[in-house]
C-alpha atoms as a PDB file:
ATOM      1  CA  MET A   1       7.009   8.188  26.917  1.00  0.00           C
ATOM      2  CA  SER A   2       3.815   6.877  25.310  1.00  0.00           C
ATOM      3  CA  ILE A   3       1.649   9.431  26.913  1.00  0.00           C
ATOM      4  CA  PHE A   4       4.109  12.054  25.679  1.00  0.00           C
ATOM      5  CA  ASN A   5       4.334  10.404  22.099  1.00  0.00           C
ATOM      6  CA  SER A   6       0.576  10.119  21.928  1.00  0.00           C
ATOM      7  CA  MET A   7       0.156  13.724  22.722  1.00  0.00           C
ATOM      8  CA  ILE A   8       2.509  15.121  20.212  1.00  0.00           C
ATOM      9  CA  THR A   9       0.767  12.942  17.628  1.00  0.00           C
ATOM     10  CA  SER A  10      -2.727  13.949  18.340  1.00  0.00           C
ATOM     11  CA  THR A  11      -1.534  17.592  17.987  1.00  0.00           C
ATOM     12  CA  LEU A  12       0.508  17.166  14.699  1.00  0.00           C
ATOM     13  CA  PRO A  13      -2.368  18.059  12.377  1.00  0.00           C
ATOM     14  CA  PHE A  14      -2.780  21.362  14.009  1.00  0.00           C
ATOM     15  CA  LEU A  15       0.977  22.564  13.984  1.00  0.00           C
ATOM     16  CA  PRO A  16       2.981  24.142  11.149  1.00  0.00           C
ATOM     17  CA  LYS A  17       4.501  21.770   8.594  1.00  0.00           C
ATOM     18  CA  TRP A  18       7.924  22.838   9.467  1.00  0.00           C
ATOM     19  CA  PHE A  19       7.344  21.508  12.991  1.00  0.00           C
ATOM     20  CA  ALA A  20       5.589  18.409  11.802  1.00  0.00           C
ATOM     21  CA  LYS A  21       8.302  17.364   8.959  1.00  0.00           C
ATOM     22  CA  PRO A  22      11.168  15.530  11.013  1.00  0.00           C
ATOM     23  CA  PHE A  23       8.172  13.378  12.432  1.00  0.00           C
ATOM     24  CA  ALA A  24       6.735  12.746   9.185  1.00  0.00           C
ATOM     25  CA  LYS A  25      10.151  11.854   7.295  1.00  0.00           C
ATOM     26  CA  PRO A  26      10.800   8.492   8.402  1.00  0.00           C
ATOM     27  CA  TYR A  27       7.628   7.685   6.202  1.00  0.00           C
ATOM     28  CA  VAL A  28       7.853   9.425   3.136  1.00  0.00           C
ATOM     29  CA  ALA A  29      10.622   9.020   0.438  1.00  0.00           C
ATOM     30  CA  GLY A  30      11.063  12.612  -0.335  1.00  0.00           C
ATOM     31  CA  LYS A  31       8.801  15.030  -2.331  1.00  0.00           C
ATOM     32  CA  THR A  32      10.285  14.361  -5.703  1.00  0.00           C
ATOM     33  CA  GLU A  33      10.520  11.424  -8.268  1.00  0.00           C
ATOM     34  CA  ASP A  34      14.343  11.744  -8.022  1.00  0.00           C
ATOM     35  CA  THR A  35      14.351  11.316  -4.360  1.00  0.00           C
ATOM     36  CA  ALA A  36      11.870   8.409  -4.618  1.00  0.00           C
ATOM     37  CA  VAL A  37      13.790   6.874  -7.263  1.00  0.00           C
ATOM     38  CA  SER A  38      17.007   6.922  -5.215  1.00  0.00           C
ATOM     39  CA  HIS A  39      15.173   5.425  -2.372  1.00  0.00           C
ATOM     40  CA  ILE A  40      13.937   2.623  -4.465  1.00  0.00           C
ATOM     41  CA  ASN A  41      17.317   1.983  -5.547  1.00  0.00           C
ATOM     42  CA  THR A  42      18.733   1.455  -2.138  1.00  0.00           C
ATOM     43  CA  LEU A  43      15.775  -0.809  -1.155  1.00  0.00           C
ATOM     44  CA  ASN A  44      16.275  -3.114  -4.273  1.00  0.00           C
ATOM     45  CA  GLU A  45      20.059  -3.013  -3.393  1.00  0.00           C
ATOM     46  CA  LYS A  46      19.285  -4.492   0.112  1.00  0.00           C
ATOM     47  CA  GLY A  47      16.756  -7.235  -1.737  1.00  0.00           C
ATOM     48  CA  PHE A  48      13.518  -5.809  -1.335  1.00  0.00           C
ATOM     49  CA  ALA A  49      11.143  -5.241  -4.198  1.00  0.00           C
ATOM     50  CA  THR A  50       9.012  -1.994  -4.014  1.00  0.00           C
ATOM     51  CA  THR A  51       5.985  -0.387  -5.106  1.00  0.00           C
ATOM     52  CA  VAL A  52       5.706   3.305  -5.570  1.00  0.00           C
ATOM     53  CA  ASP A  53       2.812   5.704  -5.061  1.00  0.00           C
ATOM     54  CA  ILE A  54       2.438   9.368  -5.598  1.00  0.00           C
ATOM     55  CA  LEU A  55       0.848  10.837  -2.360  1.00  0.00           C
ATOM     56  CA  GLY A  56      -2.653  12.177  -2.962  1.00  0.00           C
ATOM     57  CA  GLU A  57      -6.392  11.639  -3.044  1.00  0.00           C
ATOM     58  CA  HIS A  58      -9.562  13.132  -3.996  1.00  0.00           C
ATOM     59  CA  VAL A  59      -8.515  15.416  -6.698  1.00  0.00           C
ATOM     60  CA  LEU A  60     -11.486  17.633  -7.850  1.00  0.00           C
ATOM     61  CA  THR A  61     -10.540  18.500 -11.334  1.00  0.00           C
ATOM     62  CA  LYS A  62      -9.963  16.945 -14.649  1.00  0.00           C
ATOM     63  CA  VAL A  63      -6.758  18.918 -15.138  1.00  0.00           C
ATOM     64  CA  GLU A  64      -5.238  17.463 -11.710  1.00  0.00           C
ATOM     65  CA  ALA A  65      -6.653  13.856 -12.636  1.00  0.00           C
ATOM     66  CA  ARG A  66      -4.891  14.043 -15.973  1.00  0.00           C
ATOM     67  CA  ASN A  67      -1.722  15.594 -14.515  1.00  0.00           C
ATOM     68  CA  ILE A  68      -1.268  12.844 -11.933  1.00  0.00           C
ATOM     69  CA  THR A  69      -1.889  10.431 -14.632  1.00  0.00           C
ATOM     70  CA  SER A  70       0.797  11.825 -16.732  1.00  0.00           C
ATOM     71  CA  GLN A  71       3.232  11.689 -13.739  1.00  0.00           C
ATOM     72  CA  TYR A  72       2.359   8.190 -13.051  1.00  0.00           C
ATOM     73  CA  CYS A  73       3.059   7.346 -16.816  1.00  0.00           C
ATOM     74  CA  HIS A  74       6.348   8.734 -16.774  1.00  0.00           C
ATOM     75  CA  LEU A  75       7.039   6.724 -13.585  1.00  0.00           C
ATOM     76  CA  TYR A  76       6.776   3.516 -15.579  1.00  0.00           C
ATOM     77  CA  ASP A  77       9.065   4.963 -18.009  1.00  0.00           C
ATOM     78  CA  ARG A  78      11.441   5.669 -15.430  1.00  0.00           C
ATOM     79  CA  ILE A  79      11.219   2.127 -13.693  1.00  0.00           C
ATOM     80  CA  ALA A  80      11.792   0.551 -17.092  1.00  0.00           C
ATOM     81  CA  SER A  81      14.802   2.627 -18.142  1.00  0.00           C
ATOM     82  CA  GLU A  82      16.506   2.304 -14.832  1.00  0.00           C
ATOM     83  CA  SER A  83      15.520  -1.424 -14.349  1.00  0.00           C
ATOM     84  CA  LEU A  84      14.313  -1.160 -10.705  1.00  0.00           C
ATOM     85  CA  ASP A  85      12.132  -3.818  -9.130  1.00  0.00           C
ATOM     86  CA  CYS A  86       9.356  -1.644  -8.558  1.00  0.00           C
ATOM     87  CA  ASN A  87       5.561  -1.729  -9.708  1.00  0.00           C
ATOM     88  CA  ILE A  88       3.113   1.037  -9.165  1.00  0.00           C
ATOM     89  CA  SER A  89       0.097   1.598  -6.680  1.00  0.00           C
ATOM     90  CA  ILE A  90      -2.675   3.954  -7.555  1.00  0.00           C
ATOM     91  CA  LYS A  91      -5.883   5.437  -5.417  1.00  0.00           C
ATOM     92  CA  PRO A  92      -8.806   5.849  -7.735  1.00  0.00           C
ATOM     93  CA  THR A  93      -9.810   9.129  -6.430  1.00  0.00           C
ATOM     94  CA  HIS A  94      -6.298  10.581  -7.042  1.00  0.00           C
ATOM     95  CA  VAL A  95      -6.859  10.097 -10.909  1.00  0.00           C
ATOM     96  CA  GLY A  96     -10.695  11.147 -11.141  1.00  0.00           C
ATOM     97  CA  LEU A  97     -12.897   8.977  -9.227  1.00  0.00           C
ATOM     98  CA  ASP A  98     -14.465  11.628  -7.175  1.00  0.00           C
ATOM     99  CA  ILE A  99     -15.259  13.432 -10.539  1.00  0.00           C
ATOM    100  CA  SER A 100     -17.107  10.534 -12.375  1.00  0.00           C
ATOM    101  CA  LEU A 101     -16.277   7.005 -12.983  1.00  0.00           C
ATOM    102  CA  ALA A 102     -15.882   7.609 -16.725  1.00  0.00           C
ATOM    103  CA  GLU A 103     -12.923   9.737 -15.805  1.00  0.00           C
ATOM    104  CA  ALA A 104     -10.982   7.523 -13.420  1.00  0.00           C
ATOM    105  CA  MET A 105     -11.932   4.671 -16.194  1.00  0.00           C
ATOM    106  CA  ALA A 106     -10.251   6.785 -18.829  1.00  0.00           C
ATOM    107  CA  ASN A 107      -7.052   7.557 -16.693  1.00  0.00           C
ATOM    108  CA  PHE A 108      -6.787   3.871 -15.598  1.00  0.00           C
ATOM    109  CA  THR A 109      -6.931   2.706 -19.093  1.00  0.00           C
ATOM    110  CA  SER A 110      -3.897   5.079 -20.024  1.00  0.00           C
ATOM    111  CA  LEU A 111      -2.313   3.804 -17.119  1.00  0.00           C
ATOM    112  CA  VAL A 112      -2.733   0.047 -17.879  1.00  0.00           C
ATOM    113  CA  LYS A 113      -1.701   0.153 -21.426  1.00  0.00           C
ATOM    114  CA  LYS A 114       1.638   2.147 -20.207  1.00  0.00           C
ATOM    115  CA  ALA A 115       2.124  -0.723 -17.885  1.00  0.00           C
ATOM    116  CA  GLN A 116       1.548  -3.323 -20.245  1.00  0.00           C
ATOM    117  CA  GLU A 117       3.787  -1.366 -22.548  1.00  0.00           C
ATOM    118  CA  HIS A 118       6.540  -1.859 -20.303  1.00  0.00           C
ATOM    119  CA  GLY A 119       5.459  -5.149 -18.987  1.00  0.00           C
ATOM    120  CA  ASN A 120       4.956  -4.012 -15.758  1.00  0.00           C
ATOM    121  CA  PHE A 121       2.247  -4.372 -12.969  1.00  0.00           C
ATOM    122  CA  LEU A 122      -0.585  -1.952 -11.864  1.00  0.00           C
ATOM    123  CA  ARG A 123      -2.034  -2.279  -8.091  1.00  0.00           C
ATOM    124  CA  ILE A 124      -5.421  -0.656  -7.986  1.00  0.00           C
ATOM    125  CA  ASP A 125      -5.310   0.630  -4.031  1.00  0.00           C
ATOM    126  CA  MET A 126      -8.597   0.459  -2.378  1.00  0.00           C
ATOM    127  CA  GLU A 127     -10.002   3.534  -0.239  1.00  0.00           C
ATOM    128  CA  ASN A 128     -13.282   3.656   1.675  1.00  0.00           C
ATOM    129  CA  SER A 129     -16.231   1.567   1.257  1.00  0.00           C
ATOM    130  CA  LEU A 130     -18.048   4.283  -0.684  1.00  0.00           C
ATOM    131  CA  PHE A 131     -15.790   3.372  -3.374  1.00  0.00           C
ATOM    132  CA  THR A 132     -15.402  -0.064  -3.365  1.00  0.00           C
ATOM    133  CA  ASP A 133     -17.603  -1.540  -6.068  1.00  0.00           C
ATOM    134  CA  GLN A 134     -16.370   1.346  -8.308  1.00  0.00           C
ATOM    135  CA  THR A 135     -13.055  -0.028  -7.693  1.00  0.00           C
ATOM    136  CA  PHE A 136     -13.754  -3.312  -8.632  1.00  0.00           C
ATOM    137  CA  GLU A 137     -15.409  -2.228 -11.656  1.00  0.00           C
ATOM    138  CA  ILE A 138     -12.274  -0.303 -12.721  1.00  0.00           C
ATOM    139  CA  TYR A 139     -10.272  -3.450 -11.829  1.00  0.00           C
ATOM    140  CA  GLN A 140     -12.432  -5.620 -13.916  1.00  0.00           C
ATOM    141  CA  HIS A 141     -12.023  -3.102 -16.900  1.00  0.00           C
ATOM    142  CA  CYS A 142      -8.146  -2.999 -16.606  1.00  0.00           C
ATOM    143  CA  LYS A 143      -8.160  -6.880 -16.873  1.00  0.00           C
ATOM    144  CA  THR A 144      -9.701  -6.796 -20.013  1.00  0.00           C
ATOM    145  CA  ILE A 145      -7.112  -4.779 -21.453  1.00  0.00           C
ATOM    146  CA  TYR A 146      -4.029  -6.711 -19.886  1.00  0.00           C
ATOM    147  CA  LYS A 147      -3.747  -9.298 -17.191  1.00  0.00           C
ATOM    148  CA  ASN A 148      -1.058  -8.085 -14.761  1.00  0.00           C
ATOM    149  CA  VAL A 149      -3.305  -5.776 -12.768  1.00  0.00           C
ATOM    150  CA  GLY A 150      -4.320  -6.243  -9.138  1.00  0.00           C
ATOM    151  CA  VAL A 151      -6.376  -4.782  -6.520  1.00  0.00           C
ATOM    152  CA  VAL A 152      -6.714  -4.530  -2.728  1.00  0.00           C
ATOM    153  CA  ILE A 153      -9.000  -6.780  -0.502  1.00  0.00           C
ATOM    154  CA  GLN A 154      -9.577  -5.214   3.449  1.00  0.00           C
ATOM    155  CA  SER A 155      -9.996  -7.470   5.852  1.00  0.00           C
ATOM    156  CA  TYR A 156     -12.143  -5.460   8.101  1.00  0.00           C
ATOM    157  CA  LEU A 157     -15.091  -5.644   5.637  1.00  0.00           C
ATOM    158  CA  HIS A 158     -17.603  -8.334   6.037  1.00  0.00           C
ATOM    159  CA  ARG A 159     -17.673  -8.561   2.468  1.00  0.00           C
ATOM    160  CA  SER A 160     -14.128  -9.294   1.634  1.00  0.00           C
ATOM    161  CA  LEU A 161     -14.621 -13.229   1.680  1.00  0.00           C
ATOM    162  CA  ASP A 162     -17.165 -13.003  -0.953  1.00  0.00           C
ATOM    163  CA  ASP A 163     -15.304 -10.718  -3.088  1.00  0.00           C
ATOM    164  CA  ILE A 164     -12.459 -13.194  -3.226  1.00  0.00           C
ATOM    165  CA  LEU A 165     -14.937 -16.131  -3.953  1.00  0.00           C
ATOM    166  CA  HIS A 166     -16.257 -13.910  -6.714  1.00  0.00           C
ATOM    167  CA  LEU A 167     -12.937 -12.777  -8.136  1.00  0.00           C
ATOM    168  CA  ALA A 168     -10.004 -14.929  -7.256  1.00  0.00           C
ATOM    169  CA  ASN A 169      -8.501 -17.467  -9.680  1.00  0.00           C
ATOM    170  CA  GLU A 170      -5.078 -18.043 -10.828  1.00  0.00           C
ATOM    171  CA  ASP A 171      -4.697 -14.600 -12.637  1.00  0.00           C
ATOM    172  CA  PHE A 172      -6.129 -12.843  -9.415  1.00  0.00           C
ATOM    173  CA  ASN A 173      -3.674 -10.608  -7.665  1.00  0.00           C
ATOM    174  CA  SER A 174      -4.500  -8.970  -4.336  1.00  0.00           C
ATOM    175  CA  ARG A 175      -2.695  -7.078  -1.554  1.00  0.00           C
ATOM    176  CA  ILE A 176      -4.792  -8.170   1.669  1.00  0.00           C
ATOM    177  CA  CYS A 177      -4.285  -5.296   4.257  1.00  0.00           C
ATOM    178  CA  LYS A 178      -6.875  -4.757   7.358  1.00  0.00           C
ATOM    179  CA  GLY A 179      -8.381  -1.496   6.260  1.00  0.00           C
ATOM    180  CA  ILE A 180      -7.624   1.805   7.382  1.00  0.00           C
ATOM    181  CA  TYR A 181     -10.694   3.837   6.900  1.00  0.00           C
ATOM    182  CA  LYS A 182     -13.659   4.468   9.817  1.00  0.00           C
ATOM    183  CA  GLU A 183     -16.378   2.118   8.964  1.00  0.00           C
ATOM    184  CA  SER A 184     -19.662   1.137  10.638  1.00  0.00           C
ATOM    185  CA  GLU A 185     -20.034  -2.088  12.267  1.00  0.00           C
ATOM    186  CA  SER A 186     -22.762  -2.980   9.912  1.00  0.00           C
ATOM    187  CA  ILE A 187     -20.194  -3.565   7.060  1.00  0.00           C
ATOM    188  CA  ALA A 188     -17.018  -3.904   8.894  1.00  0.00           C
ATOM    189  CA  PHE A 189     -15.586  -6.166  11.866  1.00  0.00           C
ATOM    190  CA  GLN A 190     -14.650  -3.520  14.822  1.00  0.00           C
ATOM    191  CA  SER A 191     -12.114  -5.975  16.880  1.00  0.00           C
ATOM    192  CA  ARG A 192      -8.555  -6.437  16.304  1.00  0.00           C
ATOM    193  CA  GLU A 193      -9.017 -10.304  16.693  1.00  0.00           C
ATOM    194  CA  GLU A 194     -11.845 -10.344  14.203  1.00  0.00           C
ATOM    195  CA  ILE A 195     -10.045  -8.507  11.687  1.00  0.00           C
ATOM    196  CA  LYS A 196      -6.842 -10.818  12.025  1.00  0.00           C
ATOM    197  CA  ASP A 197      -9.038 -13.965  11.878  1.00  0.00           C
ATOM    198  CA  ASN A 198     -10.679 -12.866   8.933  1.00  0.00           C
ATOM    199  CA  TYR A 199      -7.441 -11.746   7.377  1.00  0.00           C
ATOM    200  CA  LEU A 200      -6.035 -15.362   7.777  1.00  0.00           C
ATOM    201  CA  SER A 201      -9.430 -16.687   6.391  1.00  0.00           C
ATOM    202  CA  LEU A 202      -8.661 -14.722   3.293  1.00  0.00           C
ATOM    203  CA  ALA A 203      -5.427 -15.794   2.811  1.00  0.00           C
ATOM    204  CA  LYS A 204      -6.359 -19.281   3.127  1.00  0.00           C
ATOM    205  CA  THR A 205      -8.985 -18.852   0.487  1.00  0.00           C
ATOM    206  CA  MET A 206      -6.660 -17.060  -1.938  1.00  0.00           C
ATOM    207  CA  ALA A 207      -4.128 -19.921  -1.741  1.00  0.00           C
ATOM    208  CA  ALA A 208      -6.908 -22.334  -2.189  1.00  0.00           C
ATOM    209  CA  LYS A 209      -7.931 -20.324  -5.527  1.00  0.00           C
ATOM    210  CA  ASN A 210      -4.231 -20.525  -6.365  1.00  0.00           C
ATOM    211  CA  ALA A 211      -4.290 -16.531  -6.751  1.00  0.00           C
ATOM    212  CA  TYR A 212      -1.491 -14.360  -5.339  1.00  0.00           C
ATOM    213  CA  SER A 213      -1.308 -12.363  -2.173  1.00  0.00           C
ATOM    214  CA  GLY A 214       0.554  -9.689  -0.968  1.00  0.00           C
ATOM    215  CA  PHE A 215       0.319  -9.975   2.744  1.00  0.00           C
ATOM    216  CA  ALA A 216       0.233  -6.274   3.852  1.00  0.00           C
ATOM    217  CA  THR A 217       1.002  -5.880   7.484  1.00  0.00           C
ATOM    218  CA  HIS A 218       3.199  -4.875  10.129  1.00  0.00           C
ATOM    219  CA  ASP A 219       1.436  -6.644  12.937  1.00  0.00           C
ATOM    220  CA  GLN A 220       4.299  -9.103  14.348  1.00  0.00           C
ATOM    221  CA  ASP A 221       1.605 -11.686  15.719  1.00  0.00           C
ATOM    222  CA  LEU A 222      -0.259 -11.767  12.271  1.00  0.00           C
ATOM    223  CA  ILE A 223       3.058 -12.339  10.592  1.00  0.00           C
ATOM    224  CA  ASP A 224       3.961 -15.023  12.959  1.00  0.00           C
ATOM    225  CA  ARG A 225       0.204 -16.743  12.369  1.00  0.00           C
ATOM    226  CA  LEU A 226       0.681 -16.443   8.598  1.00  0.00           C
ATOM    227  CA  LEU A 227       3.959 -17.957   8.435  1.00  0.00           C
ATOM    228  CA  ILE A 228       2.958 -21.073  10.654  1.00  0.00           C
ATOM    229  CA  TRP A 229       0.138 -21.578   8.237  1.00  0.00           C
ATOM    230  CA  ILE A 230       2.647 -21.099   5.342  1.00  0.00           C
ATOM    231  CA  GLU A 231       4.938 -23.529   6.792  1.00  0.00           C
ATOM    232  CA  SER A 232       2.622 -26.191   8.199  1.00  0.00           C
ATOM    233  CA  GLU A 233       0.677 -26.356   4.764  1.00  0.00           C
ATOM    234  CA  ASN A 234       3.596 -26.092   2.398  1.00  0.00           C
ATOM    235  CA  ILE A 235       2.397 -22.976   0.738  1.00  0.00           C
ATOM    236  CA  SER A 236       4.312 -22.324  -2.444  1.00  0.00           C
ATOM    237  CA  LYS A 237       6.393 -19.000  -2.449  1.00  0.00           C
ATOM    238  CA  ASP A 238       5.036 -18.097  -5.809  1.00  0.00           C
ATOM    239  CA  LEU A 239       1.761 -17.773  -4.105  1.00  0.00           C
ATOM    240  CA  PHE A 240       2.506 -14.599  -2.030  1.00  0.00           C
ATOM    241  CA  GLU A 241       5.052 -12.111  -0.872  1.00  0.00           C
ATOM    242  CA  PHE A 242       4.946  -9.790   2.441  1.00  0.00           C
ATOM    243  CA  GLN A 243       4.343  -6.060   2.038  1.00  0.00           C
ATOM    244  CA  VAL A 244       5.155  -3.281   4.254  1.00  0.00           C
ATOM    245  CA  LEU A 245       4.988   0.427   4.493  1.00  0.00           C
ATOM    246  CA  TYR A 246       8.159   2.588   3.978  1.00  0.00           C
ATOM    247  CA  GLY A 247       9.840   3.678   7.252  1.00  0.00           C
ATOM    248  CA  VAL A 248       7.592   1.761   9.355  1.00  0.00           C
ATOM    249  CA  PRO A 249      10.188   0.299  12.221  1.00  0.00           C
ATOM    250  CA  MET A 250      10.013  -3.648  12.090  1.00  0.00           C
ATOM    251  CA  SER A 251      12.909  -4.408  14.438  1.00  0.00           C
ATOM    252  CA  GLY A 252      14.783  -6.584  12.006  1.00  0.00           C
ATOM    253  CA  ARG A 253      11.830  -8.611  10.839  1.00  0.00           C
ATOM    254  CA  LEU A 254      12.098  -7.657   7.372  1.00  0.00           C
ATOM    255  CA  GLU A 255      15.564  -8.853   6.920  1.00  0.00           C
ATOM    256  CA  THR A 256      14.604 -11.988   8.886  1.00  0.00           C
ATOM    257  CA  LEU A 257      11.977 -12.778   6.269  1.00  0.00           C
ATOM    258  CA  LEU A 258      14.544 -12.033   3.056  1.00  0.00           C
ATOM    259  CA  GLU A 259      17.200 -14.310   4.782  1.00  0.00           C
ATOM    260  CA  ALA A 260      14.163 -17.192   5.203  1.00  0.00           C
ATOM    261  CA  GLY A 261      13.621 -16.767   1.254  1.00  0.00           C
ATOM    262  CA  TYR A 262      10.438 -15.037   1.445  1.00  0.00           C
ATOM    263  CA  LYS A 263       9.621 -11.981  -0.921  1.00  0.00           C
ATOM    264  CA  VAL A 264       9.280  -8.687   0.883  1.00  0.00           C
ATOM    265  CA  ARG A 265       7.787  -5.272  -0.859  1.00  0.00           C
ATOM    266  CA  VAL A 266       7.981  -1.944   0.469  1.00  0.00           C
ATOM    267  CA  TYR A 267       5.581   0.490  -0.350  1.00  0.00           C
ATOM    268  CA  VAL A 268       7.177   3.711  -0.830  1.00  0.00           C
ATOM    269  CA  PRO A 269       5.189   6.972  -1.042  1.00  0.00           C
ATOM    270  CA  TYR A 270       6.528  10.488  -2.098  1.00  0.00           C
ATOM    271  CA  GLY A 271       5.199  13.721  -3.190  1.00  0.00           C
ATOM    272  CA  PRO A 272       4.261  17.061  -1.888  1.00  0.00           C
ATOM    273  CA  ASP A 273       0.968  16.169  -0.205  1.00  0.00           C
ATOM    274  CA  TRP A 274       3.196  14.252   2.451  1.00  0.00           C
ATOM    275  CA  PHE A 275       1.596  15.704   5.292  1.00  0.00           C
ATOM    276  CA  ASP A 276      -1.691  14.072   5.710  1.00  0.00           C
ATOM    277  CA  TYR A 277      -0.416  10.690   4.939  1.00  0.00           C
ATOM    278  CA  SER A 278       2.657  11.049   7.361  1.00  0.00           C
ATOM    279  CA  VAL A 279       0.066  12.169  10.441  1.00  0.00           C
ATOM    280  CA  ARG A 280      -1.791   8.820   9.334  1.00  0.00           C
ATOM    281  CA  ARG A 281       1.197   6.644  10.050  1.00  0.00           C
ATOM    282  CA  LEU A 282       2.119   8.412  12.980  1.00  0.00           C
ATOM    283  CA  LYS A 283      -0.957   7.777  14.818  1.00  0.00           C
ATOM    284  CA  GLU A 284      -0.482   4.152  14.195  1.00  0.00           C
ATOM    285  CA  ASN A 285       3.124   4.196  15.193  1.00  0.00           C
ATOM    286  CA  PRO A 286       3.516   6.651  18.051  1.00  0.00           C
ATOM    287  CA  LYS A 287       6.618   5.366  19.062  1.00  0.00           C
ATOM    288  CA  ILE A 288       8.497   6.887  16.296  1.00  0.00           C
ATOM    289  CA  VAL A 289       8.044  10.611  18.052  1.00  0.00           C
ATOM    290  CA  SER A 290      10.493   9.621  20.775  1.00  0.00           C
ATOM    291  CA  TYR A 291      12.864   7.908  18.176  1.00  0.00           C
ATOM    292  CA  VAL A 292      13.050  11.371  16.114  1.00  0.00           C
ATOM    293  CA  LEU A 293      13.543  13.364  19.507  1.00  0.00           C
ATOM    294  CA  LYS A 294      16.306  11.017  20.356  1.00  0.00           C
ATOM    295  CA  ASN A 295      18.162  11.463  17.115  1.00  0.00           C
ATOM    296  CA  PHE A 296      17.364  15.237  17.283  1.00  0.00           C
ATOM    297  CA  PHE A 297      19.264  15.447  20.471  1.00  0.00           C
ATOM    298  CA  ARG A 298      21.887  13.076  20.091  1.00  0.00           C
ATOM    299  CA  LYS A 299      23.102  15.508  17.114  1.00  0.00           C
ATOM    300  CA  ARG A 300      23.159  18.345  18.772  1.00  0.00           C
END
């Protein structure tokens, strides 16, 4: 089935959205805030923390950027009113970084003040390397307003260890991920093993700095290696959590982590711009194609 799965996955971007939707559905918590909140409630009831993201990026008008900012501000209000275990993750280009740094700064200022109003947390997502320096600039600006702000470090970038050494302290909070954007070998590791080795180095450096890490990965081997280090060095559970994407099959691993007393946070994306995000997830996990098809024919 693997060749068939790959064939379906590679052709999805060119097929009608109605055809792609059953394959995309496992990865997206619906199109609306209400459906996302319903999924977040369910995850919270199972013991998972969450972070929510409105799908989209690279908006090109100030009207769009400010509308998305307003939606995120409303989300903070909703999270507070319903006492959800949920924070918010935001891509800088979704709130205006493609327009100008000033536009993104203004919108993030509104967002971080709203997070502060509710005592919540704001995660500033990292995009491709064109935006790395500006994203850190936005992060540092937000930290001058409110300390409960975090960023993302990508382990495939050569620069990431230096970024941690420069930024990390007891108030630093970063998600660590491998990185999904295509980058040249001049600035990024290309082999899986190098990326994983650097991931572990970043995790260890964060712990040495008493900084908080979100270990974002579905790589079972990497999770094993992290756990061996955590347990052998008796790393405090107050210094990290595990993070995963909504809908990615983990064969019971998440429940095992919860049972062992580890915090697990699920990244919950939603919104009308679900298509491109879902295609990326399917390319990373083509086995979901056969899973969806089996369920489809089982219902017939």
